[in-house]
Amino acid sequence: MAKFRVGGDEFVVVSEPIVGTAGLAALTQAEREVARLVADGSSNQAIAAKRGARPRTVANQLAAIYRKLAVSSRSELVARLVDLQTERRGHKHGP
């Protein structure tokens, strides 16, 4: 539980959602494929063509991936995927 004040109001946070910790298991098979293609450098249009989908579908899948992995850009997604692969191999890095 956390308490904080904004102006004259006091707020209490009872629980916080855990975001981005489930890793690749949180993604659907289609989302994993889209993430892999993003990591390979493919654009949304190229991914759509490879998957027989519309670019808007790819954009929606990418938004879901960002939310599930707690990232906000393609470069953050690629970095997160590298981290997840490293963790899967049993090599944690960082502090």
PDB file of N, CA and C in Angstrom:
ATOM      1  N   MET A   1       0.847  -1.160   0.000  1.00  0.00           N
ATOM      2  CA  MET A   1       0.000   0.000   0.000  1.00  0.00           C
ATOM      3  C   MET A   1       0.902   1.236   0.000  1.00  0.00           C
ATOM      4  N   ALA A   2       0.501   2.243  -0.790  1.00  0.00           N
ATOM      5  CA  ALA A   2       1.257   3.489  -0.855  1.00  0.00           C
ATOM      6  C   ALA A   2       0.307   4.663  -0.704  1.00  0.00           C
ATOM      7  N   LYS A   3       0.786   5.689  -0.031  1.00  0.00           N
ATOM      8  CA  LYS A   3      -0.004   6.906   0.142  1.00  0.00           C
ATOM      9  C   LYS A   3       0.754   8.061  -0.488  1.00  0.00           C
ATOM     10  N   PHE A   4       0.008   8.993  -1.084  1.00  0.00           N
ATOM     11  CA  PHE A   4       0.623  10.201  -1.601  1.00  0.00           C
ATOM     12  C   PHE A   4      -0.400  11.326  -1.630  1.00  0.00           C
ATOM     13  N   ARG A   5       0.098  12.546  -1.690  1.00  0.00           N
ATOM     14  CA  ARG A   5      -0.756  13.735  -1.712  1.00  0.00           C
ATOM     15  C   ARG A   5      -0.579  14.472  -3.032  1.00  0.00           C
ATOM     16  N   VAL A   6      -1.681  14.967  -3.541  1.00  0.00           N
ATOM     17  CA  VAL A   6      -1.680  15.861  -4.685  1.00  0.00           C
ATOM     18  C   VAL A   6      -2.527  17.043  -4.275  1.00  0.00           C
ATOM     19  N   GLY A   7      -1.877  18.200  -4.170  1.00  0.00           N
ATOM     20  CA  GLY A   7      -2.585  19.359  -3.653  1.00  0.00           C
ATOM     21  C   GLY A   7      -3.004  19.069  -2.222  1.00  0.00           C
ATOM     22  N   GLY A   8      -4.266  19.250  -1.914  1.00  0.00           N
ATOM     23  CA  GLY A   8      -4.768  18.974  -0.581  1.00  0.00           C
ATOM     24  C   GLY A   8      -5.392  17.600  -0.437  1.00  0.00           C
ATOM     25  N   ASP A   9      -5.354  16.802  -1.506  1.00  0.00           N
ATOM     26  CA  ASP A   9      -5.998  15.484  -1.485  1.00  0.00           C
ATOM     27  C   ASP A   9      -4.980  14.383  -1.212  1.00  0.00           C
ATOM     28  N   GLU A  10      -5.377  13.428  -0.385  1.00  0.00           N
ATOM     29  CA  GLU A  10      -4.527  12.270  -0.113  1.00  0.00           C
ATOM     30  C   GLU A  10      -5.086  11.072  -0.861  1.00  0.00           C
ATOM     31  N   PHE A  11      -4.186  10.317  -1.519  1.00  0.00           N
ATOM     32  CA  PHE A  11      -4.573   9.132  -2.273  1.00  0.00           C
ATOM     33  C   PHE A  11      -3.878   7.916  -1.691  1.00  0.00           C
ATOM     34  N   VAL A  12      -4.561   6.780  -1.728  1.00  0.00           N
ATOM     35  CA  VAL A  12      -4.002   5.523  -1.258  1.00  0.00           C
ATOM     36  C   VAL A  12      -4.074   4.525  -2.404  1.00  0.00           C
ATOM     37  N   VAL A  13      -2.924   3.938  -2.735  1.00  0.00           N
ATOM     38  CA  VAL A  13      -2.865   2.897  -3.753  1.00  0.00           C
ATOM     39  C   VAL A  13      -2.850   1.575  -3.013  1.00  0.00           C
ATOM     40  N   VAL A  14      -3.908   0.778  -3.218  1.00  0.00           N
ATOM     41  CA  VAL A  14      -4.032  -0.488  -2.511  1.00  0.00           C
ATOM     42  C   VAL A  14      -3.277  -1.585  -3.239  1.00  0.00           C
ATOM     43  N   SER A  15      -3.339  -1.605  -4.542  1.00  0.00           N
ATOM     44  CA  SER A  15      -2.590  -2.578  -5.324  1.00  0.00           C
ATOM     45  C   SER A  15      -2.254  -1.974  -6.670  1.00  0.00           C
ATOM     46  N   GLU A  16      -1.208  -2.504  -7.290  1.00  0.00           N
ATOM     47  CA  GLU A  16      -0.792  -2.051  -8.593  1.00  0.00           C
ATOM     48  C   GLU A  16      -0.740  -3.258  -9.515  1.00  0.00           C
ATOM     49  N   PRO A  17      -1.179  -3.086 -10.767  1.00  0.00           N
ATOM     50  CA  PRO A  17      -1.092  -4.212 -11.693  1.00  0.00           C
ATOM     51  C   PRO A  17       0.359  -4.515 -12.040  1.00  0.00           C
ATOM     52  N   ILE A  18       0.638  -5.780 -12.259  1.00  0.00           N
ATOM     53  CA  ILE A  18       1.965  -6.183 -12.711  1.00  0.00           C
ATOM     54  C   ILE A  18       1.925  -6.148 -14.235  1.00  0.00           C
ATOM     55  N   VAL A  19       2.745  -5.301 -14.815  1.00  0.00           N
ATOM     56  CA  VAL A  19       2.736  -5.112 -16.257  1.00  0.00           C
ATOM     57  C   VAL A  19       4.073  -5.543 -16.829  1.00  0.00           C
ATOM     58  N   GLY A  20       4.028  -6.275 -17.915  1.00  0.00           N
ATOM     59  CA  GLY A  20       5.236  -6.587 -18.640  1.00  0.00           C
ATOM     60  C   GLY A  20       6.109  -7.670 -18.056  1.00  0.00           C
ATOM     61  N   THR A  21       5.636  -8.402 -17.061  1.00  0.00           N
ATOM     62  CA  THR A  21       6.492  -9.410 -16.446  1.00  0.00           C
ATOM     63  C   THR A  21       6.217 -10.822 -16.961  1.00  0.00           C
ATOM     64  N   ALA A  22       5.137 -11.004 -17.676  1.00  0.00           N
ATOM     65  CA  ALA A  22       4.789 -12.346 -18.138  1.00  0.00           C
ATOM     66  C   ALA A  22       5.636 -12.789 -19.319  1.00  0.00           C
ATOM     67  N   GLY A  23       6.266 -11.851 -20.003  1.00  0.00           N
ATOM     68  CA  GLY A  23       7.123 -12.191 -21.114  1.00  0.00           C
ATOM     69  C   GLY A  23       6.366 -12.702 -22.311  1.00  0.00           C
ATOM     70  N   LEU A  24       7.035 -13.494 -23.100  1.00  0.00           N
ATOM     71  CA  LEU A  24       6.461 -13.976 -24.356  1.00  0.00           C
ATOM     72  C   LEU A  24       5.231 -14.841 -24.154  1.00  0.00           C
ATOM     73  N   ALA A  25       5.095 -15.454 -22.998  1.00  0.00           N
ATOM     74  CA  ALA A  25       3.926 -16.294 -22.733  1.00  0.00           C
ATOM     75  C   ALA A  25       2.633 -15.482 -22.755  1.00  0.00           C
ATOM     76  N   ALA A  26       2.741 -14.181 -22.526  1.00  0.00           N
ATOM     77  CA  ALA A  26       1.559 -13.317 -22.533  1.00  0.00           C
ATOM     78  C   ALA A  26       1.073 -13.028 -23.946  1.00  0.00           C
ATOM     79  N   LEU A  27       1.925 -13.277 -24.941  1.00  0.00           N
ATOM     80  CA  LEU A  27       1.576 -12.970 -26.321  1.00  0.00           C
ATOM     81  C   LEU A  27       0.918 -14.157 -27.008  1.00  0.00           C
ATOM     82  N   THR A  28      -0.002 -13.842 -27.920  1.00  0.00           N
ATOM     83  CA  THR A  28      -0.581 -14.891 -28.759  1.00  0.00           C
ATOM     84  C   THR A  28       0.474 -15.324 -29.771  1.00  0.00           C
ATOM     85  N   GLN A  29       0.235 -16.428 -30.450  1.00  0.00           N
ATOM     86  CA  GLN A  29       1.159 -16.892 -31.482  1.00  0.00           C
ATOM     87  C   GLN A  29       1.329 -15.829 -32.566  1.00  0.00           C
ATOM     88  N   ALA A  30       0.233 -15.201 -32.986  1.00  0.00           N
ATOM     89  CA  ALA A  30       0.295 -14.153 -34.005  1.00  0.00           C
ATOM     90  C   ALA A  30       1.121 -12.967 -33.508  1.00  0.00           C
ATOM     91  N   GLU A  31       0.934 -12.582 -32.247  1.00  0.00           N
ATOM     92  CA  GLU A  31       1.694 -11.465 -31.681  1.00  0.00           C
ATOM     93  C   GLU A  31       3.179 -11.804 -31.594  1.00  0.00           C
ATOM     94  N   ARG A  32       3.507 -13.054 -31.253  1.00  0.00           N
ATOM     95  CA  ARG A  32       4.922 -13.455 -31.216  1.00  0.00           C
ATOM     96  C   ARG A  32       5.543 -13.357 -32.602  1.00  0.00           C
ATOM     97  N   GLU A  33       4.799 -13.757 -33.620  1.00  0.00           N
ATOM     98  CA  GLU A  33       5.293 -13.680 -34.997  1.00  0.00           C
ATOM     99  C   GLU A  33       5.489 -12.228 -35.418  1.00  0.00           C
ATOM    100  N   VAL A  34       4.537 -11.360 -35.085  1.00  0.00           N
ATOM    101  CA  VAL A  34       4.669  -9.939 -35.399  1.00  0.00           C
ATOM    102  C   VAL A  34       5.884  -9.363 -34.682  1.00  0.00           C
ATOM    103  N   ALA A  35       6.052  -9.692 -33.416  1.00  0.00           N
ATOM    104  CA  ALA A  35       7.201  -9.196 -32.650  1.00  0.00           C
ATOM    105  C   ALA A  35       8.511  -9.654 -33.282  1.00  0.00           C
ATOM    106  N   ARG A  36       8.564 -10.900 -33.724  1.00  0.00           N
ATOM    107  CA  ARG A  36       9.776 -11.424 -34.374  1.00  0.00           C
ATOM    108  C   ARG A  36      10.071 -10.660 -35.659  1.00  0.00           C
ATOM    109  N   LEU A  37       9.026 -10.386 -36.438  1.00  0.00           N
ATOM    110  CA  LEU A  37       9.220  -9.662 -37.688  1.00  0.00           C
ATOM    111  C   LEU A  37       9.641  -8.215 -37.436  1.00  0.00           C
ATOM    112  N   VAL A  38       9.122  -7.600 -36.385  1.00  0.00           N
ATOM    113  CA  VAL A  38       9.567  -6.256 -36.007  1.00  0.00           C
ATOM    114  C   VAL A  38      11.052  -6.310 -35.651  1.00  0.00           C
ATOM    115  N   ALA A  39      11.444  -7.317 -34.874  1.00  0.00           N
ATOM    116  CA  ALA A  39      12.848  -7.458 -34.482  1.00  0.00           C
ATOM    117  C   ALA A  39      13.749  -7.663 -35.696  1.00  0.00           C
ATOM    118  N   ASP A  40      13.195  -8.261 -36.747  1.00  0.00           N
ATOM    119  CA  ASP A  40      13.952  -8.456 -37.990  1.00  0.00           C
ATOM    120  C   ASP A  40      14.021  -7.182 -38.819  1.00  0.00           C
ATOM    121  N   GLY A  41      13.306  -6.131 -38.391  1.00  0.00           N
ATOM    122  CA  GLY A  41      13.362  -4.853 -39.093  1.00  0.00           C
ATOM    123  C   GLY A  41      12.230  -4.612 -40.073  1.00  0.00           C
ATOM    124  N   SER A  42      11.225  -5.465 -40.079  1.00  0.00           N
ATOM    125  CA  SER A  42      10.111  -5.319 -41.023  1.00  0.00           C
ATOM    126  C   SER A  42       9.174  -4.183 -40.623  1.00  0.00           C
ATOM    127  N   SER A  43       8.651  -3.478 -41.611  1.00  0.00           N
ATOM    128  CA  SER A  43       7.646  -2.442 -41.383  1.00  0.00           C
ATOM    129  C   SER A  43       6.282  -3.100 -41.193  1.00  0.00           C
ATOM    130  N   ASN A  44       5.316  -2.319 -40.714  1.00  0.00           N
ATOM    131  CA  ASN A  44       3.959  -2.855 -40.573  1.00  0.00           C
ATOM    132  C   ASN A  44       3.425  -3.342 -41.912  1.00  0.00           C
ATOM    133  N   GLN A  45       3.695  -2.591 -42.987  1.00  0.00           N
ATOM    134  CA  GLN A  45       3.219  -2.979 -44.305  1.00  0.00           C
ATOM    135  C   GLN A  45       3.853  -4.296 -44.754  1.00  0.00           C
ATOM    136  N   ALA A  46       5.151  -4.447 -44.511  1.00  0.00           N
ATOM    137  CA  ALA A  46       5.836  -5.686 -44.878  1.00  0.00           C
ATOM    138  C   ALA A  46       5.321  -6.863 -44.054  1.00  0.00           C
ATOM    139  N   ILE A  47       5.089  -6.630 -42.763  1.00  0.00           N
ATOM    140  CA  ILE A  47       4.557  -7.690 -41.898  1.00  0.00           C
ATOM    141  C   ILE A  47       3.180  -8.110 -42.382  1.00  0.00           C
ATOM    142  N   ALA A  48       2.335  -7.121 -42.712  1.00  0.00           N
ATOM    143  CA  ALA A  48       0.988  -7.415 -43.209  1.00  0.00           C
ATOM    144  C   ALA A  48       1.058  -8.259 -44.470  1.00  0.00           C
ATOM    145  N   ALA A  49       1.950  -7.908 -45.382  1.00  0.00           N
ATOM    146  CA  ALA A  49       2.088  -8.668 -46.630  1.00  0.00           C
ATOM    147  C   ALA A  49       2.551 -10.096 -46.358  1.00  0.00           C
ATOM    148  N   LYS A  50       3.511 -10.267 -45.459  1.00  0.00           N
ATOM    149  CA  LYS A  50       4.026 -11.601 -45.130  1.00  0.00           C
ATOM    150  C   LYS A  50       2.973 -12.466 -44.458  1.00  0.00           C
ATOM    151  N   ARG A  51       2.109 -11.828 -43.655  1.00  0.00           N
ATOM    152  CA  ARG A  51       1.116 -12.576 -42.887  1.00  0.00           C
ATOM    153  C   ARG A  51      -0.244 -12.644 -43.565  1.00  0.00           C
ATOM    154  N   GLY A  52      -0.402 -11.985 -44.700  1.00  0.00           N
ATOM    155  CA  GLY A  52      -1.696 -11.976 -45.378  1.00  0.00           C
ATOM    156  C   GLY A  52      -2.744 -11.210 -44.576  1.00  0.00           C
ATOM    157  N   ALA A  53      -2.306 -10.144 -43.932  1.00  0.00           N
ATOM    158  CA  ALA A  53      -3.188  -9.342 -43.082  1.00  0.00           C
ATOM    159  C   ALA A  53      -3.189  -7.902 -43.584  1.00  0.00           C
ATOM    160  N   ARG A  54      -3.996  -7.093 -42.959  1.00  0.00           N
ATOM    161  CA  ARG A  54      -4.022  -5.660 -43.269  1.00  0.00           C
ATOM    162  C   ARG A  54      -3.040  -4.939 -42.347  1.00  0.00           C
ATOM    163  N   PRO A  55      -2.465  -3.844 -42.816  1.00  0.00           N
ATOM    164  CA  PRO A  55      -1.564  -3.077 -41.961  1.00  0.00           C
ATOM    165  C   PRO A  55      -2.226  -2.625 -40.653  1.00  0.00           C
ATOM    166  N   ARG A  56      -3.513  -2.330 -40.681  1.00  0.00           N
ATOM    167  CA  ARG A  56      -4.220  -1.919 -39.457  1.00  0.00           C
ATOM    168  C   ARG A  56      -4.262  -3.063 -38.438  1.00  0.00           C
ATOM    169  N   THR A  57      -4.410  -4.296 -38.924  1.00  0.00           N
ATOM    170  CA  THR A  57      -4.396  -5.453 -38.029  1.00  0.00           C
ATOM    171  C   THR A  57      -3.036  -5.571 -37.358  1.00  0.00           C
ATOM    172  N   VAL A  58      -1.980  -5.383 -38.133  1.00  0.00           N
ATOM    173  CA  VAL A  58      -0.624  -5.439 -37.585  1.00  0.00           C
ATOM    174  C   VAL A  58      -0.439  -4.333 -36.550  1.00  0.00           C
ATOM    175  N   ALA A  59      -0.922  -3.134 -36.851  1.00  0.00           N
ATOM    176  CA  ALA A  59      -0.808  -2.021 -35.903  1.00  0.00           C
ATOM    177  C   ALA A  59      -1.536  -2.346 -34.603  1.00  0.00           C
ATOM    178  N   ASN A  60      -2.716  -2.966 -34.703  1.00  0.00           N
ATOM    179  CA  ASN A  60      -3.462  -3.355 -33.497  1.00  0.00           C
ATOM    180  C   ASN A  60      -2.707  -4.426 -32.708  1.00  0.00           C
ATOM    181  N   GLN A  61      -2.131  -5.391 -33.403  1.00  0.00           N
ATOM    182  CA  GLN A  61      -1.358  -6.434 -32.731  1.00  0.00           C
ATOM    183  C   GLN A  61      -0.129  -5.828 -32.054  1.00  0.00           C
ATOM    184  N   LEU A  62       0.504  -4.875 -32.724  1.00  0.00           N
ATOM    185  CA  LEU A  62       1.669  -4.224 -32.152  1.00  0.00           C
ATOM    186  C   LEU A  62       1.294  -3.441 -30.896  1.00  0.00           C
ATOM    187  N   ALA A  63       0.151  -2.780 -30.915  1.00  0.00           N
ATOM    188  CA  ALA A  63      -0.320  -2.054 -29.721  1.00  0.00           C
ATOM    189  C   ALA A  63      -0.533  -3.019 -28.554  1.00  0.00           C
ATOM    190  N   ALA A  64      -1.096  -4.194 -28.841  1.00  0.00           N
ATOM    191  CA  ALA A  64      -1.306  -5.196 -27.793  1.00  0.00           C
ATOM    192  C   ALA A  64       0.031  -5.707 -27.260  1.00  0.00           C
ATOM    193  N   ILE A  65       0.993  -5.900 -28.152  1.00  0.00           N
ATOM    194  CA  ILE A  65       2.326  -6.354 -27.745  1.00  0.00           C
ATOM    195  C   ILE A  65       2.969  -5.318 -26.830  1.00  0.00           C
ATOM    196  N   TYR A  66       2.905  -4.050 -27.234  1.00  0.00           N
ATOM    197  CA  TYR A  66       3.475  -2.971 -26.425  1.00  0.00           C
ATOM    198  C   TYR A  66       2.870  -2.985 -25.026  1.00  0.00           C
ATOM    199  N   ARG A  67       1.549  -3.112 -24.962  1.00  0.00           N
ATOM    200  CA  ARG A  67       0.861  -3.104 -23.664  1.00  0.00           C
ATOM    201  C   ARG A  67       1.290  -4.298 -22.814  1.00  0.00           C
ATOM    202  N   LYS A  68       1.303  -5.468 -23.405  1.00  0.00           N
ATOM    203  CA  LYS A  68       1.618  -6.689 -22.652  1.00  0.00           C
ATOM    204  C   LYS A  68       3.070  -6.730 -22.173  1.00  0.00           C
ATOM    205  N   LEU A  69       3.978  -6.151 -22.965  1.00  0.00           N
ATOM    206  CA  LEU A  69       5.393  -6.186 -22.599  1.00  0.00           C
ATOM    207  C   LEU A  69       5.870  -4.877 -21.972  1.00  0.00           C
ATOM    208  N   ALA A  70       4.947  -3.946 -21.772  1.00  0.00           N
ATOM    209  CA  ALA A  70       5.242  -2.661 -21.128  1.00  0.00           C
ATOM    210  C   ALA A  70       6.345  -1.892 -21.844  1.00  0.00           C
ATOM    211  N   VAL A  71       6.196  -1.764 -23.154  1.00  0.00           N
ATOM    212  CA  VAL A  71       7.113  -0.968 -23.961  1.00  0.00           C
ATOM    213  C   VAL A  71       6.299   0.053 -24.743  1.00  0.00           C
ATOM    214  N   SER A  72       6.986   1.047 -25.315  1.00  0.00           N
ATOM    215  CA  SER A  72       6.249   2.078 -26.034  1.00  0.00           C
ATOM    216  C   SER A  72       6.811   2.395 -27.414  1.00  0.00           C
ATOM    217  N   SER A  73       7.759   1.591 -27.885  1.00  0.00           N
ATOM    218  CA  SER A  73       8.307   1.833 -29.215  1.00  0.00           C
ATOM    219  C   SER A  73       8.887   0.535 -29.777  1.00  0.00           C
ATOM    220  N   ARG A  74       9.158   0.555 -31.067  1.00  0.00           N
ATOM    221  CA  ARG A  74       9.766  -0.608 -31.711  1.00  0.00           C
ATOM    222  C   ARG A  74      11.135  -0.902 -31.103  1.00  0.00           C
ATOM    223  N   SER A  75      11.925   0.145 -30.854  1.00  0.00           N
ATOM    224  CA  SER A  75      13.262  -0.090 -30.302  1.00  0.00           C
ATOM    225  C   SER A  75      13.181  -0.666 -28.886  1.00  0.00           C
ATOM    226  N   GLU A  76      12.224  -0.197 -28.079  1.00  0.00           N
ATOM    227  CA  GLU A  76      12.038  -0.773 -26.739  1.00  0.00           C
ATOM    228  C   GLU A  76      11.584  -2.220 -26.854  1.00  0.00           C
ATOM    229  N   LEU A  77      10.737  -2.514 -27.836  1.00  0.00           N
ATOM    230  CA  LEU A  77      10.274  -3.886 -28.037  1.00  0.00           C
ATOM    231  C   LEU A  77      11.450  -4.804 -28.350  1.00  0.00           C
ATOM    232  N   VAL A  78      12.308  -4.374 -29.265  1.00  0.00           N
ATOM    233  CA  VAL A  78      13.462  -5.195 -29.628  1.00  0.00           C
ATOM    234  C   VAL A  78      14.360  -5.411 -28.415  1.00  0.00           C
ATOM    235  N   ALA A  79      14.596  -4.351 -27.647  1.00  0.00           N
ATOM    236  CA  ALA A  79      15.427  -4.484 -26.438  1.00  0.00           C
ATOM    237  C   ALA A  79      14.783  -5.447 -25.450  1.00  0.00           C
ATOM    238  N   ARG A  80      13.470  -5.360 -25.293  1.00  0.00           N
ATOM    239  CA  ARG A  80      12.736  -6.260 -24.369  1.00  0.00           C
ATOM    240  C   ARG A  80      12.841  -7.704 -24.841  1.00  0.00           C
ATOM    241  N   LEU A  81      12.728  -7.916 -26.147  1.00  0.00           N
ATOM    242  CA  LEU A  81      12.837  -9.271 -26.694  1.00  0.00           C
ATOM    243  C   LEU A  81      14.232  -9.840 -26.442  1.00  0.00           C
ATOM    244  N   VAL A  82      15.255  -9.003 -26.591  1.00  0.00           N
ATOM    245  CA  VAL A  82      16.624  -9.452 -26.309  1.00  0.00           C
ATOM    246  C   VAL A  82      16.742  -9.831 -24.835  1.00  0.00           C
ATOM    247  N   ASP A  83      16.186  -8.996 -23.943  1.00  0.00           N
ATOM    248  CA  ASP A  83      16.208  -9.297 -22.511  1.00  0.00           C
ATOM    249  C   ASP A  83      15.504 -10.617 -22.215  1.00  0.00           C
ATOM    250  N   LEU A  84      14.333 -10.817 -22.829  1.00  0.00           N
ATOM    251  CA  LEU A  84      13.573 -12.041 -22.583  1.00  0.00           C
ATOM    252  C   LEU A  84      14.324 -13.273 -23.085  1.00  0.00           C
ATOM    253  N   GLN A  85      14.968 -13.160 -24.233  1.00  0.00           N
ATOM    254  CA  GLN A  85      15.745 -14.279 -24.754  1.00  0.00           C
ATOM    255  C   GLN A  85      16.927 -14.588 -23.838  1.00  0.00           C
ATOM    256  N   THR A  86      17.563 -13.549 -23.329  1.00  0.00           N
ATOM    257  CA  THR A  86      18.690 -13.734 -22.414  1.00  0.00           C
ATOM    258  C   THR A  86      18.228 -14.424 -21.135  1.00  0.00           C
ATOM    259  N   GLU A  87      17.082 -13.960 -20.589  1.00  0.00           N
ATOM    260  CA  GLU A  87      16.538 -14.579 -19.377  1.00  0.00           C
ATOM    261  C   GLU A  87      16.176 -16.038 -19.620  1.00  0.00           C
ATOM    262  N   ARG A  88      15.604 -16.323 -20.793  1.00  0.00           N
ATOM    263  CA  ARG A  88      15.229 -17.713 -21.122  1.00  0.00           C
ATOM    264  C   ARG A  88      16.439 -18.627 -21.158  1.00  0.00           C
ATOM    265  N   ARG A  89      17.573 -18.073 -21.547  1.00  0.00           N
ATOM    266  CA  ARG A  89      18.785 -18.864 -21.606  1.00  0.00           C
ATOM    267  C   ARG A  89      19.479 -18.953 -20.251  1.00  0.00           C
ATOM    268  N   GLY A  90      18.902 -18.273 -19.238  1.00  0.00           N
ATOM    269  CA  GLY A  90      19.458 -18.339 -17.893  1.00  0.00           C
ATOM    270  C   GLY A  90      20.576 -17.363 -17.624  1.00  0.00           C
ATOM    271  N   HIS A  91      20.705 -16.355 -18.494  1.00  0.00           N
ATOM    272  CA  HIS A  91      21.752 -15.354 -18.331  1.00  0.00           C
ATOM    273  C   HIS A  91      21.103 -14.024 -18.031  1.00  0.00           C
ATOM    274  N   LYS A  92      20.940 -13.707 -16.782  1.00  0.00           N
ATOM    275  CA  LYS A  92      20.394 -12.404 -16.425  1.00  0.00           C
ATOM    276  C   LYS A  92      21.531 -11.397 -16.482  1.00  0.00           C
ATOM    277  N   HIS A  93      21.223 -10.218 -17.004  1.00  0.00           N
ATOM    278  CA  HIS A  93      22.233  -9.174 -17.037  1.00  0.00           C
ATOM    279  C   HIS A  93      21.686  -7.919 -16.411  1.00  0.00           C
ATOM    280  N   GLY A  94      22.564  -6.960 -16.200  1.00  0.00           N
ATOM    281  CA  GLY A  94      22.156  -5.719 -15.546  1.00  0.00           C
ATOM    282  C   GLY A  94      22.473  -5.778 -14.077  1.00  0.00           C
ATOM    283  N   PRO A  95      22.132  -4.675 -13.360  1.00  0.00           N
ATOM    284  CA  PRO A  95      22.471  -4.633 -11.929  1.00  0.00           C
ATOM    285  C   PRO A  95      21.711  -5.644 -11.108  1.00  0.00           C
TER     286      PRO A  95
END
